[in-house]
C-alpha atoms as a PDB file:
ATOM      1  CA  MET A   1      -3.837 -17.309   4.260  1.00  0.00           C
ATOM      2  CA  GLU A   2      -5.243 -14.265   2.460  1.00  0.00           C
ATOM      3  CA  MET A   3      -7.619 -11.965   4.316  1.00  0.00           C
ATOM      4  CA  VAL A   4     -10.510 -10.097   2.735  1.00  0.00           C
ATOM      5  CA  MET A   5     -10.768  -6.306   2.983  1.00  0.00           C
ATOM      6  CA  SER A   6     -14.256  -4.855   3.299  1.00  0.00           C
ATOM      7  CA  GLU A   7     -15.400  -2.221   0.811  1.00  0.00           C
ATOM      8  CA  GLU A   8     -14.991   0.378   3.587  1.00  0.00           C
ATOM      9  CA  MET A   9     -11.359  -0.655   4.165  1.00  0.00           C
ATOM     10  CA  GLN A  10     -10.645  -0.514   0.436  1.00  0.00           C
ATOM     11  CA  ALA A  11     -12.165   2.984   0.192  1.00  0.00           C
ATOM     12  CA  ILE A  12     -10.147   4.208   3.194  1.00  0.00           C
ATOM     13  CA  ILE A  13      -6.920   2.918   1.622  1.00  0.00           C
ATOM     14  CA  ASN A  14      -7.775   4.348  -1.818  1.00  0.00           C
ATOM     15  CA  GLU A  15      -8.640   7.797  -0.451  1.00  0.00           C
ATOM     16  CA  ASN A  16      -5.913   8.374   2.136  1.00  0.00           C
ATOM     17  CA  LEU A  17      -2.187   8.483   2.650  1.00  0.00           C
ATOM     18  CA  VAL A  18      -0.922   5.228   4.120  1.00  0.00           C
ATOM     19  CA  HIS A  19       2.341   4.330   5.824  1.00  0.00           C
ATOM     20  CA  LEU A  20       4.262   1.373   4.429  1.00  0.00           C
ATOM     21  CA  ALA A  21       6.642  -0.438   6.769  1.00  0.00           C
ATOM     22  CA  THR A  22       9.419  -2.681   5.501  1.00  0.00           C
ATOM     23  CA  SER A  23      12.569  -4.040   7.045  1.00  0.00           C
ATOM     24  CA  SER A  24      15.958  -5.007   5.750  1.00  0.00           C
ATOM     25  CA  LYS A  25      17.148  -8.595   5.728  1.00  0.00           C
ATOM     26  CA  ASP A  26      18.804  -7.966   9.112  1.00  0.00           C
ATOM     27  CA  GLY A  27      15.650  -6.383  10.598  1.00  0.00           C
ATOM     28  CA  LYS A  28      16.331  -2.639  10.315  1.00  0.00           C
ATOM     29  CA  PRO A  29      12.899  -0.973   9.908  1.00  0.00           C
ATOM     30  CA  ASN A  30      11.893   1.624   7.321  1.00  0.00           C
ATOM     31  CA  VAL A  31       8.527   3.425   7.137  1.00  0.00           C
ATOM     32  CA  VAL A  32       7.429   5.706   4.291  1.00  0.00           C
ATOM     33  CA  PRO A  33       4.223   7.583   3.461  1.00  0.00           C
ATOM     34  CA  VAL A  34       2.554   6.341   0.276  1.00  0.00           C
ATOM     35  CA  GLY A  35      -0.202   8.032  -1.727  1.00  0.00           C
ATOM     36  CA  GLY A  36       0.016   5.860  -4.833  1.00  0.00           C
ATOM     37  CA  ILE A  37      -1.822   2.830  -3.500  1.00  0.00           C
ATOM     38  CA  ARG A  38      -5.069   1.185  -4.565  1.00  0.00           C
ATOM     39  CA  ALA A  39      -7.026  -1.899  -3.602  1.00  0.00           C
ATOM     40  CA  ILE A  40      -7.232  -3.924  -6.809  1.00  0.00           C
ATOM     41  CA  SER A  41      -9.198  -6.791  -5.243  1.00  0.00           C
ATOM     42  CA  ASP A  42     -10.543  -7.609  -1.798  1.00  0.00           C
ATOM     43  CA  SER A  43      -7.178  -9.159  -0.840  1.00  0.00           C
ATOM     44  CA  GLU A  44      -4.601  -7.263  -2.927  1.00  0.00           C
ATOM     45  CA  LEU A  45      -3.100  -3.780  -2.950  1.00  0.00           C
ATOM     46  CA  LEU A  46      -1.070  -2.223  -5.750  1.00  0.00           C
ATOM     47  CA  ILE A  47       1.557   0.339  -4.751  1.00  0.00           C
ATOM     48  CA  VAL A  48       3.332   2.617  -7.211  1.00  0.00           C
ATOM     49  CA  ASP A  49       7.058   3.059  -6.666  1.00  0.00           C
ATOM     50  CA  VAL A  50       8.187   6.473  -7.865  1.00  0.00           C
ATOM     51  CA  LEU A  51      10.657   7.323  -5.073  1.00  0.00           C
ATOM     52  CA  PHE A  52      11.535   4.057  -3.290  1.00  0.00           C
ATOM     53  CA  ASP A  53      15.197   3.500  -2.467  1.00  0.00           C
ATOM     54  CA  LYS A  54      15.621   1.756   0.910  1.00  0.00           C
ATOM     55  CA  THR A  55      12.021   0.560   0.622  1.00  0.00           C
ATOM     56  CA  LYS A  56      12.658  -1.238  -2.664  1.00  0.00           C
ATOM     57  CA  LYS A  57      15.913  -2.766  -1.386  1.00  0.00           C
ATOM     58  CA  ASN A  58      14.026  -3.987   1.678  1.00  0.00           C
ATOM     59  CA  LEU A  59      11.171  -5.437  -0.404  1.00  0.00           C
ATOM     60  CA  LEU A  60      13.622  -7.407  -2.520  1.00  0.00           C
ATOM     61  CA  ALA A  61      15.434  -8.735   0.573  1.00  0.00           C
ATOM     62  CA  ASN A  62      12.395  -9.245   2.822  1.00  0.00           C
ATOM     63  CA  PRO A  63       8.911  -9.232   1.220  1.00  0.00           C
ATOM     64  CA  GLN A  64       6.969  -8.982   4.492  1.00  0.00           C
ATOM     65  CA  VAL A  65       5.250  -5.578   4.848  1.00  0.00           C
ATOM     66  CA  GLY A  66       3.002  -3.671   7.192  1.00  0.00           C
ATOM     67  CA  ILE A  67       0.593  -0.924   6.148  1.00  0.00           C
ATOM     68  CA  ALA A  68      -1.142   1.535   8.477  1.00  0.00           C
ATOM     69  CA  VAL A  69      -3.995   3.851   7.492  1.00  0.00           C
ATOM     70  CA  GLU A  70      -6.061   6.091   9.760  1.00  0.00           C
ATOM     71  CA  VAL A  71      -9.033   8.370   9.123  1.00  0.00           C
ATOM     72  CA  LEU A  72      -9.561  11.165  11.629  1.00  0.00           C
ATOM     73  CA  GLY A  73     -12.029  14.032  11.469  1.00  0.00           C
ATOM     74  CA  LYS A  74     -14.666  12.287   9.343  1.00  0.00           C
ATOM     75  CA  GLY A  75     -17.004  11.052  12.041  1.00  0.00           C
ATOM     76  CA  MET A  76     -15.855   8.140  14.164  1.00  0.00           C
ATOM     77  CA  PRO A  77     -12.089   7.499  13.913  1.00  0.00           C
ATOM     78  CA  ARG A  78     -11.266   4.456  11.813  1.00  0.00           C
ATOM     79  CA  GLY A  79      -7.953   2.851  11.140  1.00  0.00           C
ATOM     80  CA  TYR A  80      -6.427  -0.388  10.025  1.00  0.00           C
ATOM     81  CA  GLN A  81      -3.134  -2.204  10.118  1.00  0.00           C
ATOM     82  CA  LEU A  82      -2.593  -4.679   7.308  1.00  0.00           C
ATOM     83  CA  LYS A  83       0.213  -7.190   7.001  1.00  0.00           C
ATOM     84  CA  GLY A  84       1.165  -9.087   3.923  1.00  0.00           C
ATOM     85  CA  HIS A  85       3.609 -10.344   1.368  1.00  0.00           C
ATOM     86  CA  ALA A  86       4.900  -8.049  -1.390  1.00  0.00           C
ATOM     87  CA  LYS A  87       6.179  -8.776  -4.872  1.00  0.00           C
ATOM     88  CA  VAL A  88       8.008  -6.189  -7.022  1.00  0.00           C
ATOM     89  CA  PHE A  89       7.319  -5.901 -10.760  1.00  0.00           C
ATOM     90  CA  THR A  90       9.372  -3.867 -13.244  1.00  0.00           C
ATOM     91  CA  ASN A  91       7.316  -4.866 -16.301  1.00  0.00           C
ATOM     92  CA  GLY A  92       4.135  -6.710 -17.248  1.00  0.00           C
ATOM     93  CA  GLU A  93       0.504  -6.255 -16.219  1.00  0.00           C
ATOM     94  CA  MET A  94       1.096  -4.931 -12.682  1.00  0.00           C
ATOM     95  CA  PHE A  95       3.686  -2.433 -13.921  1.00  0.00           C
ATOM     96  CA  GLU A  96       1.269  -1.227 -16.620  1.00  0.00           C
ATOM     97  CA  ARG A  97      -1.487  -0.836 -14.013  1.00  0.00           C
ATOM     98  CA  ALA A  98       0.896   1.237 -11.877  1.00  0.00           C
ATOM     99  CA  GLU A  99       1.659   3.465 -14.879  1.00  0.00           C
ATOM    100  CA  LYS A 100      -2.090   3.980 -15.383  1.00  0.00           C
ATOM    101  CA  MET A 101      -2.456   4.910 -11.689  1.00  0.00           C
ATOM    102  CA  VAL A 102       0.257   7.569 -12.105  1.00  0.00           C
ATOM    103  CA  GLU A 103      -1.462   8.975 -15.202  1.00  0.00           C
ATOM    104  CA  ASP A 104      -4.695   9.252 -13.185  1.00  0.00           C
ATOM    105  CA  MET A 105      -2.775  10.968 -10.353  1.00  0.00           C
ATOM    106  CA  LYS A 106      -1.224  13.458 -12.789  1.00  0.00           C
ATOM    107  CA  ASN A 107      -4.686  14.308 -14.137  1.00  0.00           C
ATOM    108  CA  ARG A 108      -6.104  14.862 -10.629  1.00  0.00           C
ATOM    109  CA  TRP A 109      -3.238  16.699  -8.976  1.00  0.00           C
ATOM    110  CA  ARG A 110      -1.292  19.247 -10.932  1.00  0.00           C
ATOM    111  CA  GLY A 111       2.395  19.435 -10.095  1.00  0.00           C
ATOM    112  CA  HIS A 112       3.035  15.699 -10.411  1.00  0.00           C
ATOM    113  CA  ALA A 113       4.054  15.814 -14.081  1.00  0.00           C
ATOM    114  CA  ASP A 114       7.526  14.470 -13.283  1.00  0.00           C
ATOM    115  CA  LEU A 115       6.339  11.254 -11.611  1.00  0.00           C
ATOM    116  CA  LYS A 116       7.836   8.198 -13.298  1.00  0.00           C
ATOM    117  CA  VAL A 117       7.056   4.633 -12.282  1.00  0.00           C
ATOM    118  CA  LYS A 118      10.170   2.710 -11.256  1.00  0.00           C
ATOM    119  CA  SER A 119       8.279  -0.427 -10.225  1.00  0.00           C
ATOM    120  CA  ALA A 120       4.926  -1.761  -9.076  1.00  0.00           C
ATOM    121  CA  VAL A 121       4.477  -3.523  -5.750  1.00  0.00           C
ATOM    122  CA  LEU A 122       1.679  -6.057  -5.350  1.00  0.00           C
ATOM    123  CA  VAL A 123       0.774  -6.819  -1.732  1.00  0.00           C
ATOM    124  CA  LYS A 124      -1.286  -9.882  -0.863  1.00  0.00           C
ATOM    125  CA  ILE A 125      -2.998  -9.175   2.463  1.00  0.00           C
ATOM    126  CA  GLU A 126      -2.514 -11.900   5.089  1.00  0.00           C
ATOM    127  CA  GLU A 127      -3.640 -10.153   8.304  1.00  0.00           C
ATOM    128  CA  ILE A 128      -5.986  -7.241   9.076  1.00  0.00           C
ATOM    129  CA  TYR A 129      -6.390  -5.460  12.406  1.00  0.00           C
ATOM    130  CA  SER A 130      -8.502  -2.509  13.480  1.00  0.00           C
ATOM    131  CA  THR A 131      -6.379   0.166  15.146  1.00  0.00           C
ATOM    132  CA  VAL A 132      -9.470   1.576  16.825  1.00  0.00           C
ATOM    133  CA  ARG A 133     -11.140  -1.520  18.268  1.00  0.00           C
ATOM    134  CA  GLN A 134      -7.895  -3.489  18.724  1.00  0.00           C
ATOM    135  CA  LYS A 135      -9.374  -6.745  17.480  1.00  0.00           C
ATOM    136  CA  LYS A 136      -8.681  -8.818  14.427  1.00  0.00           C
ATOM    137  CA  GLU A 137     -11.128  -8.128  11.589  1.00  0.00           C
ATOM    138  CA  GLU A 138     -12.966 -11.100  10.157  1.00  0.00           C
ATOM    139  CA  GLY A 139     -12.900 -11.509   6.381  1.00  0.00           C
END
């Protein structure tokens, strides 16, 4: 069952570094920081893969993911843990959207001219939890 992210959650994800957790087929965990992520609907996230190695192997073997994002120092602390199902794209609409995201990143932050999209990862959100209030968010 897909969960719905509020506009606040989407903004927090779009504006902050998140941590993406994957695991291998045999359960070995891997967590990486990700800046190239955007909410593209109220239940989907698009992640740009420019450096994934173990992460991509894990996604292909086990599509279940966890994402953590936290905002500190901007008023009341807010944070969320999202769980979902990922699908990797190496061409097509999602890949093209990821390429556009990288172009936007290059225009905003100098020094990222060498970023090249290897794949796009679409995550359908299935569970949402607040890391501050420790209760499941209602969609």
